[in-house]
């Protein structure tokens, strides 16, 4: 079954932790990120809702944490901090980073955007792995 036997509290805490990381990451690197993106704050916000990206981000972080929690025991037979963090790193390296760089190269994005977004993606999977591993 797709929902499987997972610790939903761990998944929710992992989602919240990765959202907190995003707040710190993009607050700290926000100006560099916008420069790498080639947009101003007004262009990013535009006429749309400023809350919508956060809702989508929370939903995607929840999905990410769920699958990390689901896959860790399938790959390693047990869920520990080391296993979950290691799997998070491998998923980032094998899927997240490669997809992001491919998309950024076709979009003609600056490498600094890949470094900022890629660093955040790595941070997300590592912090989610840490939380999921702590909960076991």
N, C-alpha and C. Protein backbone atom coordinates (compact mmCIF):
# COMPACT_ATOMS: atom_id res chain seq x y z
N UNK A 1 0.84 -1.19 0.00
CA UNK A 1 0.00 0.00 0.00
C UNK A 1 0.88 1.24 0.00
N UNK A 2 0.50 2.24 -0.75
CA UNK A 2 1.34 3.42 -0.92
C UNK A 2 1.54 4.18 0.39
N UNK A 3 0.55 4.27 1.25
CA UNK A 3 0.71 5.03 2.48
C UNK A 3 1.64 4.32 3.46
N UNK A 4 1.63 3.01 3.44
CA UNK A 4 2.58 2.24 4.23
C UNK A 4 2.56 2.54 5.71
N UNK A 5 3.48 1.93 6.40
CA UNK A 5 3.62 2.08 7.83
C UNK A 5 4.72 3.10 8.09
N UNK A 6 4.31 4.36 8.23
CA UNK A 6 5.28 5.44 8.46
C UNK A 6 4.89 6.19 9.72
N UNK A 7 5.85 6.91 10.27
CA UNK A 7 5.61 7.72 11.45
C UNK A 7 5.20 9.12 10.97
N UNK A 8 3.89 9.38 11.00
CA UNK A 8 3.38 10.64 10.47
C UNK A 8 3.84 11.84 11.28
N UNK A 9 4.05 11.66 12.57
CA UNK A 9 4.57 12.76 13.38
C UNK A 9 5.97 13.14 12.89
N UNK A 10 6.80 12.15 12.60
CA UNK A 10 8.15 12.41 12.07
C UNK A 10 8.06 13.14 10.74
N UNK A 11 7.15 12.74 9.89
CA UNK A 11 6.99 13.36 8.58
C UNK A 11 6.56 14.82 8.71
N UNK A 12 5.62 15.08 9.59
CA UNK A 12 5.15 16.45 9.79
C UNK A 12 6.25 17.32 10.40
N UNK A 13 6.97 16.78 11.38
CA UNK A 13 8.07 17.54 11.98
C UNK A 13 9.18 17.78 10.95
N UNK A 14 9.46 16.79 10.10
CA UNK A 14 10.47 16.94 9.05
C UNK A 14 10.05 18.02 8.06
N UNK A 15 8.76 18.06 7.73
CA UNK A 15 8.25 19.09 6.83
C UNK A 15 8.40 20.48 7.45
N UNK A 16 8.05 20.60 8.72
CA UNK A 16 8.18 21.88 9.42
C UNK A 16 9.65 22.30 9.50
N UNK A 17 10.53 21.36 9.81
CA UNK A 17 11.96 21.67 9.90
C UNK A 17 12.51 22.14 8.56
N UNK A 18 12.09 21.49 7.47
CA UNK A 18 12.60 21.90 6.16
C UNK A 18 12.01 23.25 5.73
N UNK A 19 10.79 23.55 6.16
CA UNK A 19 10.22 24.88 5.89
C UNK A 19 11.00 25.95 6.67
N UNK A 20 11.36 25.63 7.91
CA UNK A 20 12.15 26.57 8.71
C UNK A 20 13.51 26.80 8.07
N UNK A 21 14.12 25.73 7.57
CA UNK A 21 15.38 25.87 6.86
C UNK A 21 15.22 26.80 5.66
N UNK A 22 14.14 26.63 4.91
CA UNK A 22 13.89 27.49 3.76
C UNK A 22 13.75 28.94 4.14
N UNK A 23 13.08 29.20 5.26
CA UNK A 23 12.92 30.58 5.72
C UNK A 23 14.28 31.21 6.01
N UNK A 24 15.14 30.47 6.69
CA UNK A 24 16.47 30.99 7.02
C UNK A 24 17.33 31.08 5.75
N UNK A 25 17.30 30.04 4.94
CA UNK A 25 18.13 29.96 3.73
C UNK A 25 17.84 31.12 2.78
N UNK A 26 16.56 31.28 2.45
CA UNK A 26 16.21 32.28 1.45
C UNK A 26 16.12 33.69 2.03
N UNK A 27 15.98 33.83 3.35
CA UNK A 27 16.10 35.15 3.96
C UNK A 27 17.56 35.59 3.88
N UNK A 28 18.44 34.67 4.17
CA UNK A 28 19.88 34.97 4.12
C UNK A 28 20.37 35.19 2.70
N UNK A 29 19.92 34.36 1.77
CA UNK A 29 20.41 34.40 0.39
C UNK A 29 19.41 35.02 -0.59
N UNK A 30 18.37 35.64 -0.08
CA UNK A 30 17.29 36.15 -0.93
C UNK A 30 17.73 37.10 -2.02
N UNK A 31 18.56 38.06 -1.68
CA UNK A 31 19.01 39.02 -2.70
C UNK A 31 19.88 38.34 -3.75
N UNK A 32 20.75 37.45 -3.32
CA UNK A 32 21.59 36.70 -4.28
C UNK A 32 20.73 35.80 -5.15
N UNK A 33 19.72 35.17 -4.54
CA UNK A 33 18.82 34.29 -5.28
C UNK A 33 18.06 35.08 -6.35
N UNK A 34 17.52 36.25 -5.98
CA UNK A 34 16.80 37.06 -6.96
C UNK A 34 17.73 37.54 -8.07
N UNK A 35 18.96 37.90 -7.74
CA UNK A 35 19.93 38.32 -8.76
C UNK A 35 20.24 37.16 -9.71
N UNK A 36 20.42 35.96 -9.14
CA UNK A 36 20.70 34.78 -9.97
C UNK A 36 19.49 34.44 -10.84
N UNK A 37 18.31 34.67 -10.30
CA UNK A 37 17.07 34.42 -11.03
C UNK A 37 16.84 35.48 -12.09
N UNK A 38 17.40 36.67 -11.85
CA UNK A 38 17.24 37.77 -12.79
C UNK A 38 15.90 38.47 -12.64
N UNK A 39 15.36 38.46 -11.41
CA UNK A 39 14.06 39.09 -11.16
C UNK A 39 14.13 39.97 -9.93
N UNK A 40 13.20 40.89 -9.86
CA UNK A 40 13.06 41.72 -8.68
C UNK A 40 12.00 41.10 -7.76
N UNK A 41 11.96 41.59 -6.54
CA UNK A 41 10.96 41.11 -5.58
C UNK A 41 9.54 41.33 -6.13
N UNK A 42 9.32 42.47 -6.76
CA UNK A 42 8.01 42.79 -7.33
C UNK A 42 7.64 41.83 -8.44
N UNK A 43 8.60 41.44 -9.26
CA UNK A 43 8.32 40.50 -10.33
C UNK A 43 7.99 39.11 -9.78
N UNK A 44 8.63 38.75 -8.70
CA UNK A 44 8.38 37.43 -8.12
C UNK A 44 6.99 37.39 -7.50
N UNK A 45 6.66 38.41 -6.73
CA UNK A 45 5.35 38.46 -6.07
C UNK A 45 4.26 38.70 -7.11
N UNK A 46 4.52 39.63 -8.03
CA UNK A 46 3.55 39.94 -9.08
C UNK A 46 2.20 40.28 -8.51
N UNK A 47 1.15 39.93 -9.23
CA UNK A 47 -0.21 40.21 -8.78
C UNK A 47 -0.83 39.04 -8.05
N UNK A 48 -0.09 37.96 -7.93
CA UNK A 48 -0.65 36.77 -7.31
C UNK A 48 -0.57 36.78 -5.80
N UNK A 49 -1.09 35.73 -5.22
CA UNK A 49 -1.08 35.58 -3.77
C UNK A 49 0.34 35.26 -3.30
N UNK A 50 0.74 35.92 -2.23
CA UNK A 50 2.08 35.65 -1.69
C UNK A 50 2.10 34.39 -0.84
N UNK A 51 0.94 33.87 -0.46
CA UNK A 51 0.89 32.67 0.38
C UNK A 51 0.92 31.39 -0.46
N UNK A 52 0.49 31.46 -1.71
CA UNK A 52 0.39 30.26 -2.55
C UNK A 52 1.70 29.49 -2.67
N UNK A 53 2.84 30.15 -2.92
CA UNK A 53 4.09 29.36 -3.00
C UNK A 53 4.41 28.63 -1.70
N UNK A 54 4.05 29.22 -0.56
CA UNK A 54 4.33 28.57 0.72
C UNK A 54 3.45 27.34 0.92
N UNK A 55 2.22 27.42 0.46
CA UNK A 55 1.31 26.27 0.54
C UNK A 55 1.85 25.13 -0.32
N UNK A 56 2.26 25.46 -1.54
CA UNK A 56 2.82 24.45 -2.43
C UNK A 56 4.11 23.87 -1.86
N UNK A 57 4.95 24.73 -1.30
CA UNK A 57 6.21 24.26 -0.71
C UNK A 57 5.94 23.31 0.45
N UNK A 58 5.01 23.66 1.31
CA UNK A 58 4.68 22.78 2.44
C UNK A 58 4.18 21.43 1.94
N UNK A 59 3.34 21.45 0.93
CA UNK A 59 2.81 20.20 0.38
C UNK A 59 3.94 19.35 -0.22
N UNK A 60 4.85 19.99 -0.95
CA UNK A 60 5.95 19.25 -1.57
C UNK A 60 6.95 18.74 -0.52
N UNK A 61 7.16 19.52 0.54
CA UNK A 61 8.05 19.07 1.62
C UNK A 61 7.43 17.88 2.34
N UNK A 62 6.12 17.88 2.48
CA UNK A 62 5.42 16.75 3.09
C UNK A 62 5.60 15.49 2.24
N UNK A 63 5.45 15.63 0.94
CA UNK A 63 5.65 14.49 0.03
C UNK A 63 7.10 14.00 0.12
N UNK A 64 8.04 14.91 0.10
CA UNK A 64 9.46 14.56 0.18
C UNK A 64 9.75 13.79 1.47
N UNK A 65 9.28 14.32 2.59
CA UNK A 65 9.52 13.67 3.88
C UNK A 65 8.85 12.30 3.93
N UNK A 66 7.64 12.20 3.37
CA UNK A 66 6.93 10.92 3.36
C UNK A 66 7.76 9.86 2.62
N UNK A 67 8.23 10.21 1.43
CA UNK A 67 8.96 9.21 0.65
C UNK A 67 10.32 8.88 1.26
N UNK A 68 10.95 9.85 1.89
CA UNK A 68 12.21 9.55 2.59
C UNK A 68 11.95 8.59 3.74
N UNK A 69 10.86 8.82 4.48
CA UNK A 69 10.49 7.92 5.58
C UNK A 69 10.10 6.54 5.06
N UNK A 70 9.45 6.50 3.93
CA UNK A 70 8.99 5.24 3.34
C UNK A 70 10.15 4.44 2.75
N UNK A 71 11.08 5.13 2.09
CA UNK A 71 12.16 4.44 1.39
C UNK A 71 13.31 4.01 2.29
N UNK A 72 13.57 4.75 3.35
CA UNK A 72 14.73 4.43 4.20
C UNK A 72 14.71 2.98 4.69
N UNK A 73 13.62 2.50 5.29
CA UNK A 73 13.65 1.10 5.75
C UNK A 73 13.65 0.10 4.59
N UNK A 74 13.14 0.49 3.43
CA UNK A 74 13.18 -0.41 2.28
C UNK A 74 14.60 -0.57 1.75
N UNK A 75 15.39 0.49 1.81
CA UNK A 75 16.76 0.44 1.32
C UNK A 75 17.71 -0.15 2.35
N UNK A 76 17.53 0.22 3.62
CA UNK A 76 18.49 -0.16 4.66
C UNK A 76 17.95 -1.17 5.68
N UNK A 77 16.73 -1.59 5.55
CA UNK A 77 16.07 -2.52 6.48
C UNK A 77 15.75 -1.91 7.84
N UNK A 78 16.22 -0.72 8.13
CA UNK A 78 15.94 -0.05 9.39
C UNK A 78 16.08 1.46 9.19
N UNK A 79 15.45 2.21 10.06
CA UNK A 79 15.52 3.67 9.97
C UNK A 79 16.35 4.20 11.13
N UNK A 80 17.54 4.67 10.82
CA UNK A 80 18.41 5.31 11.80
C UNK A 80 18.76 6.69 11.25
N UNK A 81 19.37 7.51 12.07
CA UNK A 81 19.80 8.83 11.61
C UNK A 81 20.77 8.69 10.44
N UNK A 82 21.75 7.82 10.58
CA UNK A 82 22.76 7.65 9.53
C UNK A 82 22.10 7.17 8.24
N UNK A 83 21.22 6.19 8.33
CA UNK A 83 20.57 5.65 7.14
C UNK A 83 19.70 6.69 6.44
N UNK A 84 18.90 7.41 7.21
CA UNK A 84 17.98 8.38 6.61
C UNK A 84 18.74 9.57 6.02
N UNK A 85 19.77 10.04 6.70
CA UNK A 85 20.57 11.15 6.16
C UNK A 85 21.33 10.69 4.93
N UNK A 86 21.89 9.50 4.97
CA UNK A 86 22.62 8.96 3.82
C UNK A 86 21.69 8.82 2.62
N UNK A 87 20.51 8.28 2.83
CA UNK A 87 19.57 8.13 1.72
C UNK A 87 19.14 9.51 1.20
N UNK A 88 18.91 10.46 2.09
CA UNK A 88 18.59 11.81 1.67
C UNK A 88 19.67 12.38 0.77
N UNK A 89 20.93 12.19 1.14
CA UNK A 89 22.04 12.67 0.32
C UNK A 89 22.04 11.98 -1.04
N UNK A 90 21.88 10.66 -1.06
CA UNK A 90 21.89 9.93 -2.33
C UNK A 90 20.73 10.34 -3.23
N UNK A 91 19.54 10.54 -2.65
CA UNK A 91 18.40 10.98 -3.45
C UNK A 91 18.65 12.37 -4.02
N UNK A 92 19.25 13.25 -3.21
CA UNK A 92 19.58 14.59 -3.69
C UNK A 92 20.57 14.51 -4.85
N UNK A 93 21.65 13.76 -4.64
CA UNK A 93 22.70 13.67 -5.65
C UNK A 93 22.21 13.00 -6.94
N UNK A 94 21.44 11.94 -6.79
CA UNK A 94 21.02 11.15 -7.96
C UNK A 94 19.81 11.70 -8.69
N UNK A 95 18.93 12.42 -8.00
CA UNK A 95 17.69 12.85 -8.63
C UNK A 95 17.45 14.35 -8.57
N UNK A 96 17.57 14.93 -7.39
CA UNK A 96 17.25 16.35 -7.22
C UNK A 96 18.26 17.22 -7.96
N UNK A 97 19.54 17.05 -7.65
CA UNK A 97 20.58 17.89 -8.24
C UNK A 97 20.65 17.69 -9.76
N UNK A 98 20.59 16.45 -10.19
CA UNK A 98 20.70 16.18 -11.63
C UNK A 98 19.53 16.78 -12.40
N UNK A 99 18.33 16.66 -11.88
CA UNK A 99 17.15 17.24 -12.54
C UNK A 99 17.23 18.76 -12.55
N UNK A 100 17.62 19.33 -11.42
CA UNK A 100 17.70 20.77 -11.31
C UNK A 100 18.73 21.34 -12.26
N UNK A 101 19.91 20.75 -12.31
CA UNK A 101 20.95 21.24 -13.21
C UNK A 101 20.52 21.11 -14.66
N UNK A 102 19.89 20.00 -15.01
CA UNK A 102 19.39 19.83 -16.37
C UNK A 102 18.42 20.94 -16.72
N UNK A 103 17.45 21.19 -15.84
CA UNK A 103 16.47 22.25 -16.09
C UNK A 103 17.13 23.62 -16.17
N UNK A 104 18.04 23.90 -15.25
CA UNK A 104 18.72 25.21 -15.25
C UNK A 104 19.57 25.41 -16.50
N UNK A 105 20.18 24.36 -17.01
CA UNK A 105 20.99 24.50 -18.23
C UNK A 105 20.10 24.82 -19.42
N UNK A 106 18.94 24.16 -19.55
CA UNK A 106 18.03 24.47 -20.65
C UNK A 106 17.42 25.86 -20.50
N UNK A 107 17.23 26.31 -19.28
CA UNK A 107 16.66 27.63 -19.03
C UNK A 107 17.70 28.74 -19.14
N UNK A 108 18.96 28.39 -19.25
CA UNK A 108 20.02 29.38 -19.32
C UNK A 108 20.24 30.10 -18.00
N UNK A 109 19.88 29.46 -16.91
CA UNK A 109 20.04 30.07 -15.58
C UNK A 109 21.51 30.15 -15.20
N UNK A 110 21.79 31.07 -14.29
CA UNK A 110 23.16 31.22 -13.79
C UNK A 110 23.50 30.05 -12.88
N UNK A 111 24.77 29.70 -12.84
CA UNK A 111 25.23 28.63 -11.96
C UNK A 111 25.00 28.98 -10.50
N UNK A 112 25.01 30.27 -10.17
CA UNK A 112 24.77 30.67 -8.78
C UNK A 112 23.36 30.27 -8.34
N UNK A 113 22.41 30.25 -9.27
CA UNK A 113 21.05 29.80 -8.94
C UNK A 113 21.07 28.31 -8.60
N UNK A 114 21.82 27.53 -9.35
CA UNK A 114 21.93 26.10 -9.07
C UNK A 114 22.59 25.87 -7.71
N UNK A 115 23.58 26.68 -7.38
CA UNK A 115 24.24 26.54 -6.07
C UNK A 115 23.28 26.87 -4.93
N UNK A 116 22.53 27.94 -5.09
CA UNK A 116 21.60 28.35 -4.02
C UNK A 116 20.46 27.34 -3.89
N UNK A 117 19.79 27.04 -4.99
CA UNK A 117 18.66 26.11 -4.94
C UNK A 117 19.12 24.69 -4.63
N UNK A 118 20.25 24.30 -5.20
CA UNK A 118 20.78 22.96 -4.93
C UNK A 118 21.21 22.79 -3.49
N UNK A 119 21.80 23.84 -2.93
CA UNK A 119 22.18 23.80 -1.51
C UNK A 119 20.97 23.66 -0.62
N UNK A 120 19.90 24.37 -0.98
CA UNK A 120 18.66 24.26 -0.20
C UNK A 120 18.08 22.85 -0.33
N UNK A 121 18.08 22.31 -1.54
CA UNK A 121 17.55 20.95 -1.73
C UNK A 121 18.33 19.93 -0.92
N UNK A 122 19.64 20.09 -0.87
CA UNK A 122 20.46 19.20 -0.05
C UNK A 122 20.12 19.38 1.42
N UNK A 123 20.03 20.62 1.86
CA UNK A 123 19.68 20.89 3.25
C UNK A 123 18.35 20.28 3.64
N UNK A 124 17.37 20.38 2.74
CA UNK A 124 16.05 19.81 3.01
C UNK A 124 16.15 18.31 3.24
N UNK A 125 16.79 17.60 2.34
CA UNK A 125 16.85 16.15 2.48
C UNK A 125 17.70 15.71 3.66
N UNK A 126 18.73 16.47 3.99
CA UNK A 126 19.55 16.11 5.15
C UNK A 126 18.78 16.37 6.45
N UNK A 127 18.10 17.51 6.54
CA UNK A 127 17.36 17.81 7.78
C UNK A 127 16.14 16.89 7.91
N UNK A 128 15.51 16.55 6.81
CA UNK A 128 14.41 15.60 6.88
C UNK A 128 14.93 14.24 7.29
N UNK A 129 16.07 13.83 6.75
CA UNK A 129 16.67 12.55 7.15
C UNK A 129 17.02 12.53 8.62
N UNK A 130 17.54 13.64 9.12
CA UNK A 130 17.88 13.74 10.53
C UNK A 130 16.63 13.57 11.41
N UNK A 131 15.57 14.28 11.07
CA UNK A 131 14.34 14.20 11.85
C UNK A 131 13.74 12.80 11.77
N UNK A 132 13.64 12.27 10.58
CA UNK A 132 13.05 10.94 10.39
C UNK A 132 13.90 9.88 11.11
N UNK A 133 15.23 10.02 11.02
CA UNK A 133 16.11 9.10 11.74
C UNK A 133 15.97 9.20 13.25
N UNK A 134 15.80 10.43 13.75
CA UNK A 134 15.60 10.60 15.21
C UNK A 134 14.33 9.92 15.69
N UNK A 135 13.30 9.98 14.88
CA UNK A 135 12.03 9.34 15.27
C UNK A 135 12.07 7.83 15.06
N UNK A 136 13.03 7.37 14.23
CA UNK A 136 13.15 5.93 14.00
C UNK A 136 12.15 5.44 13.10
